[in-house]
Structures are given as C-alpha cells and as structure tokens.
Amino acid sequence: MKFKILLIFLVLAAALVLFGCGEEEVQQNPELAVQQLFEATVELDIERARSYISSNYQAQYDREFAEVADIFEEGGDEAEFLRTIYDAFFDSVDLQTVGHYVDGDSATVDIAVSIPDMDEFGDAFMGAMFELMFSEDVDVEAMTEEEVMLLMSDMIKDVIKDVSKVERSGVVQLVMEEGQWKVDSDFLADIFDEMDF
C-alpha cells in the first residue's frame, strides 16, 4: 500500500513538473517568448500575442494587426481570399531562435528567418496569371467574382510553395516585465526588415 501511495505521489509530482514548466520556461528564456509571439502572430491570436509584447510596443502591434484581424473577422469573399494569402505566406515563413544574451532586465535574441523570395513570387504569380488569361481551358470572363478569388487563392498557394527562400538574420530586443520576457521592439520589422516585398 505504501508503494502504491508513493507511486501516485511520484506521478503527480512528475505531472506538476511537466505541466508547470511551460510558462516558467517562457519567463526564464527570452527565446521562448519570441517563438510564442511569432506563433500567436501567425495564428492572429492578438490577445495571446499581446502577452509577449512590452507595454512600449503594444499599441503599435495592435494597430498593425488589429486591422488585419478585423478584416478576417468580418468574413465574406474578400476576407477569405486575404486569409488564404496570409496563411500561405506565413506557412512559408520559418523563424528560428539561434541564441540569446541576458543583461539584467534586458535581453536580445538572435533570429534566423527564412521567407519566400517576393520578387520570384511576383514573377511566378504574374506568369501564372497570364497563362490562365490566355488558356482555352478556363473562361475567366464567365466566372463569378467568388470563383475568380478561389482560383487566384489556389494559384497563390501553388506558386508560393515553389518559390525560393530568402535567408536573413536579425536581433529582437526584450525586457522583463511582470516577471516575464516581453519583446520590446518592432517585432515585424525585426523579422521582415530589409525584405523586398
């Protein structure tokens, strides 16, 4: 009986360690805060994203992403089309944290970003559009606006997955606020700065 109680206690202790470490890890490791913010941004989870942004940058982040989120929430064909583009783009972006430096309540996280080559994407997409316009198999003029958007969405997804990636590195600034690491810089510029859109 004592063995059974000890075993139950050990299982519960292990569960507390496993399930309790997630938030504490983010509090201790600035790299995890950057990764969590990126994931929340990709998912357009504004509230979750805000929890990883310093008070200095929350208003800016809200302005940049609230408009996008509002468009998607409104629904309709245009929103669905834009969401398809957003998802296709961010599905092609890879952000890796490659190290960090902590100095008291400040930290920097080095990132490596892989992003679709937007020049190549533009050329490939325009080529696909011209091919479609002159195709005898598809009568674009006879299509509804919804059908055209669906067709273009599919083309964007197909083109973007075949586009080469541009690699770059960057640095994200963080501060400790409320016992948690929070990004204290223009996060989107940290990721996409110097990218040619």
C-alpha atoms as a PDB file:
ATOM      1  CA  MET A   1       0.000   0.000   0.000  1.00  0.00           C
ATOM      2  CA  LYS A   2       2.821   2.409   0.863  1.00  0.00           C
ATOM      3  CA  PHE A   3       4.420   1.658  -2.504  1.00  0.00           C
ATOM      4  CA  LYS A   4       1.159   2.490  -4.300  1.00  0.00           C
ATOM      5  CA  ILE A   5       0.844   5.828  -2.461  1.00  0.00           C
ATOM      6  CA  LEU A   6       4.491   6.634  -3.193  1.00  0.00           C
ATOM      7  CA  LEU A   7       3.950   5.783  -6.870  1.00  0.00           C
ATOM      8  CA  ILE A   8       0.879   8.041  -7.067  1.00  0.00           C
ATOM      9  CA  PHE A   9       2.812  10.837  -5.366  1.00  0.00           C
ATOM     10  CA  LEU A  10       5.700  10.466  -7.857  1.00  0.00           C
ATOM     11  CA  VAL A  11       3.312  10.508 -10.828  1.00  0.00           C
ATOM     12  CA  LEU A  12       1.610  13.654  -9.509  1.00  0.00           C
ATOM     13  CA  ALA A  13       4.961  15.327  -8.852  1.00  0.00           C
ATOM     14  CA  ALA A  14       6.129  14.462 -12.369  1.00  0.00           C
ATOM     15  CA  ALA A  15       2.906  15.862 -13.825  1.00  0.00           C
ATOM     16  CA  LEU A  16       3.362  19.111 -11.923  1.00  0.00           C
ATOM     17  CA  VAL A  17       6.902  19.427 -13.215  1.00  0.00           C
ATOM     18  CA  LEU A  18       5.896  18.645 -16.801  1.00  0.00           C
ATOM     19  CA  PHE A  19       2.779  20.797 -16.970  1.00  0.00           C
ATOM     20  CA  GLY A  20       4.026  23.602 -14.797  1.00  0.00           C
ATOM     21  CA  CYS A  21       7.234  24.268 -16.708  1.00  0.00           C
ATOM     22  CA  GLY A  22       5.765  25.832 -19.838  1.00  0.00           C
ATOM     23  CA  GLU A  23       5.063  29.321 -18.554  1.00  0.00           C
ATOM     24  CA  GLU A  24       8.069  29.302 -16.239  1.00  0.00           C
ATOM     25  CA  GLU A  25      10.315  28.419 -19.179  1.00  0.00           C
ATOM     26  CA  VAL A  26       8.996  31.418 -21.119  1.00  0.00           C
ATOM     27  CA  GLN A  27       9.635  33.582 -18.071  1.00  0.00           C
ATOM     28  CA  GLN A  28      13.242  32.378 -17.882  1.00  0.00           C
ATOM     29  CA  ASN A  29      14.123  32.001 -21.564  1.00  0.00           C
ATOM     30  CA  PRO A  30      13.685  35.023 -23.850  1.00  0.00           C
ATOM     31  CA  GLU A  31      13.911  32.793 -26.936  1.00  0.00           C
ATOM     32  CA  LEU A  32      10.655  31.087 -25.982  1.00  0.00           C
ATOM     33  CA  ALA A  33       8.916  34.456 -25.681  1.00  0.00           C
ATOM     34  CA  VAL A  34       9.986  35.295 -29.261  1.00  0.00           C
ATOM     35  CA  GLN A  35       8.802  31.901 -30.531  1.00  0.00           C
ATOM     36  CA  GLN A  36       5.464  32.228 -28.723  1.00  0.00           C
ATOM     37  CA  LEU A  37       4.918  35.731 -30.098  1.00  0.00           C
ATOM     38  CA  PHE A  38       5.641  34.542 -33.636  1.00  0.00           C
ATOM     39  CA  GLU A  39       3.210  31.620 -33.281  1.00  0.00           C
ATOM     40  CA  ALA A  40       0.491  33.909 -31.908  1.00  0.00           C
ATOM     41  CA  THR A  41       1.088  36.356 -34.770  1.00  0.00           C
ATOM     42  CA  VAL A  42       0.798  33.598 -37.368  1.00  0.00           C
ATOM     43  CA  GLU A  43      -2.426  32.415 -35.736  1.00  0.00           C
ATOM     44  CA  LEU A  44      -3.688  36.027 -35.442  1.00  0.00           C
ATOM     45  CA  ASP A  45      -4.246  35.436 -31.741  1.00  0.00           C
ATOM     46  CA  ILE A  46      -3.948  39.092 -30.777  1.00  0.00           C
ATOM     47  CA  GLU A  47      -4.613  38.617 -27.061  1.00  0.00           C
ATOM     48  CA  ARG A  48      -2.001  35.882 -26.737  1.00  0.00           C
ATOM     49  CA  ALA A  49       0.471  37.909 -28.795  1.00  0.00           C
ATOM     50  CA  ARG A  50      -0.034  40.958 -26.584  1.00  0.00           C
ATOM     51  CA  SER A  51       1.103  38.924 -23.572  1.00  0.00           C
ATOM     52  CA  TYR A  52       4.556  38.663 -25.197  1.00  0.00           C
ATOM     53  CA  ILE A  53       4.865  42.346 -26.170  1.00  0.00           C
ATOM     54  CA  SER A  54       6.167  45.040 -23.857  1.00  0.00           C
ATOM     55  CA  SER A  55       3.903  47.878 -22.855  1.00  0.00           C
ATOM     56  CA  ASN A  56       6.063  50.164 -25.044  1.00  0.00           C
ATOM     57  CA  TYR A  57       5.023  48.349 -28.249  1.00  0.00           C
ATOM     58  CA  GLN A  58       1.518  47.022 -27.580  1.00  0.00           C
ATOM     59  CA  ALA A  59      -0.240  49.988 -29.187  1.00  0.00           C
ATOM     60  CA  GLN A  60       1.884  49.693 -32.333  1.00  0.00           C
ATOM     61  CA  TYR A  61       1.310  45.942 -32.556  1.00  0.00           C
ATOM     62  CA  ASP A  62      -2.415  46.450 -32.020  1.00  0.00           C
ATOM     63  CA  ARG A  63      -2.566  48.962 -34.878  1.00  0.00           C
ATOM     64  CA  GLU A  64      -0.661  46.709 -37.251  1.00  0.00           C
ATOM     65  CA  PHE A  65      -2.523  43.504 -36.577  1.00  0.00           C
ATOM     66  CA  ALA A  66      -5.923  44.581 -35.311  1.00  0.00           C
ATOM     67  CA  GLU A  67      -6.810  45.865 -38.777  1.00  0.00           C
ATOM     68  CA  VAL A  68      -5.854  42.541 -40.353  1.00  0.00           C
ATOM     69  CA  ALA A  69      -7.750  40.553 -37.731  1.00  0.00           C
ATOM     70  CA  ASP A  70     -10.812  42.792 -38.141  1.00  0.00           C
ATOM     71  CA  ILE A  71     -10.889  42.174 -41.898  1.00  0.00           C
ATOM     72  CA  PHE A  72     -10.755  38.409 -41.358  1.00  0.00           C
ATOM     73  CA  GLU A  73     -13.476  38.530 -38.689  1.00  0.00           C
ATOM     74  CA  GLU A  74     -15.826  40.478 -40.984  1.00  0.00           C
ATOM     75  CA  GLY A  75     -15.930  37.470 -43.264  1.00  0.00           C
ATOM     76  CA  GLY A  76     -17.018  37.437 -46.867  1.00  0.00           C
ATOM     77  CA  ASP A  77     -15.202  36.508 -50.049  1.00  0.00           C
ATOM     78  CA  GLU A  78     -12.564  39.215 -49.786  1.00  0.00           C
ATOM     79  CA  ALA A  79     -11.727  38.269 -46.192  1.00  0.00           C
ATOM     80  CA  GLU A  80     -11.485  34.609 -47.134  1.00  0.00           C
ATOM     81  CA  PHE A  81      -9.227  35.497 -50.066  1.00  0.00           C
ATOM     82  CA  LEU A  82      -6.963  37.661 -47.887  1.00  0.00           C
ATOM     83  CA  ARG A  83      -6.834  34.986 -45.181  1.00  0.00           C
ATOM     84  CA  THR A  84      -5.724  32.446 -47.779  1.00  0.00           C
ATOM     85  CA  ILE A  85      -2.895  34.763 -48.825  1.00  0.00           C
ATOM     86  CA  TYR A  86      -1.933  35.439 -45.195  1.00  0.00           C
ATOM     87  CA  ASP A  87      -1.907  31.730 -44.318  1.00  0.00           C
ATOM     88  CA  ALA A  88       0.004  30.753 -47.464  1.00  0.00           C
ATOM     89  CA  PHE A  89       2.628  33.396 -46.773  1.00  0.00           C
ATOM     90  CA  PHE A  90       3.110  32.605 -43.088  1.00  0.00           C
ATOM     91  CA  ASP A  91       3.092  28.858 -43.755  1.00  0.00           C
ATOM     92  CA  SER A  92       6.182  29.573 -45.871  1.00  0.00           C
ATOM     93  CA  VAL A  93       7.965  31.638 -43.212  1.00  0.00           C
ATOM     94  CA  ASP A  94      10.305  29.897 -40.814  1.00  0.00           C
ATOM     95  CA  LEU A  95      11.647  31.687 -37.755  1.00  0.00           C
ATOM     96  CA  GLN A  96      14.312  30.077 -35.614  1.00  0.00           C
ATOM     97  CA  THR A  97      15.873  31.488 -32.491  1.00  0.00           C
ATOM     98  CA  VAL A  98      19.611  30.838 -32.524  1.00  0.00           C
ATOM     99  CA  GLY A  99      20.780  32.254 -29.209  1.00  0.00           C
ATOM    100  CA  HIS A 100      20.245  34.945 -26.652  1.00  0.00           C
ATOM    101  CA  TYR A 101      22.050  37.283 -24.314  1.00  0.00           C
ATOM    102  CA  VAL A 102      20.606  38.426 -20.995  1.00  0.00           C
ATOM    103  CA  ASP A 103      21.776  41.551 -19.182  1.00  0.00           C
ATOM    104  CA  GLY A 104      19.627  42.053 -16.085  1.00  0.00           C
ATOM    105  CA  ASP A 105      16.112  43.005 -17.184  1.00  0.00           C
ATOM    106  CA  SER A 106      17.106  43.303 -20.851  1.00  0.00           C
ATOM    107  CA  ALA A 107      17.799  40.601 -23.380  1.00  0.00           C
ATOM    108  CA  THR A 108      18.483  40.143 -27.062  1.00  0.00           C
ATOM    109  CA  VAL A 109      17.509  37.107 -29.096  1.00  0.00           C
ATOM    110  CA  ASP A 110      19.254  36.286 -32.352  1.00  0.00           C
ATOM    111  CA  ILE A 111      16.873  35.030 -35.023  1.00  0.00           C
ATOM    112  CA  ALA A 112      17.235  33.343 -38.393  1.00  0.00           C
ATOM    113  CA  VAL A 113      14.327  33.880 -40.762  1.00  0.00           C
ATOM    114  CA  SER A 114      13.528  32.054 -43.969  1.00  0.00           C
ATOM    115  CA  ILE A 115      10.947  33.891 -46.078  1.00  0.00           C
ATOM    116  CA  PRO A 116       9.637  33.469 -49.632  1.00  0.00           C
ATOM    117  CA  ASP A 117      11.534  35.485 -52.239  1.00  0.00           C
ATOM    118  CA  MET A 118       8.849  38.040 -53.035  1.00  0.00           C
ATOM    119  CA  ASP A 119      10.446  39.104 -56.345  1.00  0.00           C
ATOM    120  CA  GLU A 120      10.392  35.500 -57.517  1.00  0.00           C
ATOM    121  CA  PHE A 121       6.853  35.101 -56.199  1.00  0.00           C
ATOM    122  CA  GLY A 122       5.678  38.202 -58.103  1.00  0.00           C
ATOM    123  CA  ASP A 123       7.228  36.980 -61.347  1.00  0.00           C
ATOM    124  CA  ALA A 124       5.856  33.445 -60.954  1.00  0.00           C
ATOM    125  CA  PHE A 125       2.389  34.656 -59.985  1.00  0.00           C
ATOM    126  CA  MET A 126       2.185  37.082 -62.924  1.00  0.00           C
ATOM    127  CA  GLY A 127       3.332  34.283 -65.250  1.00  0.00           C
ATOM    128  CA  ALA A 128       0.624  32.004 -63.893  1.00  0.00           C
ATOM    129  CA  MET A 129      -1.965  34.774 -64.301  1.00  0.00           C
ATOM    130  CA  PHE A 130      -1.006  35.409 -67.936  1.00  0.00           C
ATOM    131  CA  GLU A 131      -1.076  31.684 -68.631  1.00  0.00           C
ATOM    132  CA  LEU A 132      -4.554  31.499 -67.111  1.00  0.00           C
ATOM    133  CA  MET A 133      -5.828  34.530 -69.027  1.00  0.00           C
ATOM    134  CA  PHE A 134      -4.801  33.041 -72.349  1.00  0.00           C
ATOM    135  CA  SER A 135      -5.821  29.499 -71.510  1.00  0.00           C
ATOM    136  CA  GLU A 136      -8.513  27.943 -73.641  1.00  0.00           C
ATOM    137  CA  ASP A 137      -9.441  25.633 -70.754  1.00  0.00           C
ATOM    138  CA  VAL A 138     -10.705  28.401 -68.445  1.00  0.00           C
ATOM    139  CA  ASP A 139     -13.115  31.211 -69.326  1.00  0.00           C
ATOM    140  CA  VAL A 140     -12.281  33.780 -66.663  1.00  0.00           C
ATOM    141  CA  GLU A 141     -14.820  36.270 -68.012  1.00  0.00           C
ATOM    142  CA  ALA A 142     -17.640  33.783 -67.414  1.00  0.00           C
ATOM    143  CA  MET A 143     -16.585  33.199 -63.785  1.00  0.00           C
ATOM    144  CA  THR A 144     -18.153  34.873 -60.772  1.00  0.00           C
ATOM    145  CA  GLU A 145     -16.035  37.090 -58.546  1.00  0.00           C
ATOM    146  CA  GLU A 146     -16.088  34.328 -55.919  1.00  0.00           C
ATOM    147  CA  GLU A 147     -14.843  31.762 -58.437  1.00  0.00           C
ATOM    148  CA  VAL A 148     -12.049  34.098 -59.585  1.00  0.00           C
ATOM    149  CA  MET A 149     -10.932  34.683 -55.970  1.00  0.00           C
ATOM    150  CA  LEU A 150     -10.949  30.952 -55.302  1.00  0.00           C
ATOM    151  CA  LEU A 151      -8.907  30.328 -58.443  1.00  0.00           C
ATOM    152  CA  MET A 152      -6.432  33.060 -57.501  1.00  0.00           C
ATOM    153  CA  SER A 153      -6.184  31.706 -53.942  1.00  0.00           C
ATOM    154  CA  ASP A 154      -5.270  28.295 -55.282  1.00  0.00           C
ATOM    155  CA  MET A 155      -2.715  29.845 -57.624  1.00  0.00           C
ATOM    156  CA  ILE A 156      -1.126  31.820 -54.788  1.00  0.00           C
ATOM    157  CA  LYS A 157      -0.835  28.697 -52.640  1.00  0.00           C
ATOM    158  CA  ASP A 158       0.693  26.740 -55.527  1.00  0.00           C
ATOM    159  CA  VAL A 159       3.144  29.470 -56.507  1.00  0.00           C
ATOM    160  CA  ILE A 160       4.321  30.409 -53.008  1.00  0.00           C
ATOM    161  CA  LYS A 161       5.182  26.827 -52.034  1.00  0.00           C
ATOM    162  CA  ASP A 162       7.556  26.557 -55.011  1.00  0.00           C
ATOM    163  CA  VAL A 163       9.300  29.912 -54.517  1.00  0.00           C
ATOM    164  CA  SER A 164      12.890  30.043 -53.284  1.00  0.00           C
ATOM    165  CA  LYS A 165      13.525  31.235 -49.753  1.00  0.00           C
ATOM    166  CA  VAL A 166      15.497  34.293 -48.711  1.00  0.00           C
ATOM    167  CA  GLU A 167      17.518  33.818 -45.540  1.00  0.00           C
ATOM    168  CA  ARG A 168      18.333  36.604 -43.128  1.00  0.00           C
ATOM    169  CA  SER A 169      19.297  37.082 -39.543  1.00  0.00           C
ATOM    170  CA  GLY A 170      18.158  39.646 -37.034  1.00  0.00           C
ATOM    171  CA  VAL A 171      18.043  40.615 -33.396  1.00  0.00           C
ATOM    172  CA  VAL A 172      14.947  41.016 -31.241  1.00  0.00           C
ATOM    173  CA  GLN A 173      15.094  43.201 -28.118  1.00  0.00           C
ATOM    174  CA  LEU A 174      13.271  42.076 -24.960  1.00  0.00           C
ATOM    175  CA  VAL A 175      12.643  43.400 -21.470  1.00  0.00           C
ATOM    176  CA  MET A 176      11.486  41.722 -18.304  1.00  0.00           C
ATOM    177  CA  GLU A 177       8.004  42.980 -17.374  1.00  0.00           C
ATOM    178  CA  GLU A 178       5.744  41.463 -14.756  1.00  0.00           C
ATOM    179  CA  GLY A 179       8.201  38.608 -14.312  1.00  0.00           C
ATOM    180  CA  GLN A 180       8.098  37.596 -17.986  1.00  0.00           C
ATOM    181  CA  TRP A 181      10.256  38.302 -21.031  1.00  0.00           C
ATOM    182  CA  LYS A 182       8.452  40.556 -23.493  1.00  0.00           C
ATOM    183  CA  VAL A 183       9.509  41.759 -26.924  1.00  0.00           C
ATOM    184  CA  ASP A 184      10.498  45.424 -26.715  1.00  0.00           C
ATOM    185  CA  SER A 185      10.967  46.290 -30.376  1.00  0.00           C
ATOM    186  CA  ASP A 186       9.030  46.424 -33.627  1.00  0.00           C
ATOM    187  CA  PHE A 187       8.693  42.664 -33.910  1.00  0.00           C
ATOM    188  CA  LEU A 188       7.516  42.587 -37.513  1.00  0.00           C
ATOM    189  CA  ALA A 189      10.346  44.875 -38.620  1.00  0.00           C
ATOM    190  CA  ASP A 190      12.791  42.662 -36.701  1.00  0.00           C
ATOM    191  CA  ILE A 191      11.596  39.722 -38.786  1.00  0.00           C
ATOM    192  CA  PHE A 192      10.876  41.271 -42.170  1.00  0.00           C
ATOM    193  CA  ASP A 193      13.122  44.350 -42.254  1.00  0.00           C
ATOM    194  CA  GLU A 194      15.097  44.653 -45.472  1.00  0.00           C
ATOM    195  CA  MET A 195      12.810  42.148 -47.194  1.00  0.00           C
ATOM    196  CA  ASP A 196      11.823  43.259 -50.667  1.00  0.00           C
ATOM    197  CA  PHE A 197       8.032  42.990 -50.971  1.00  0.00           C
END
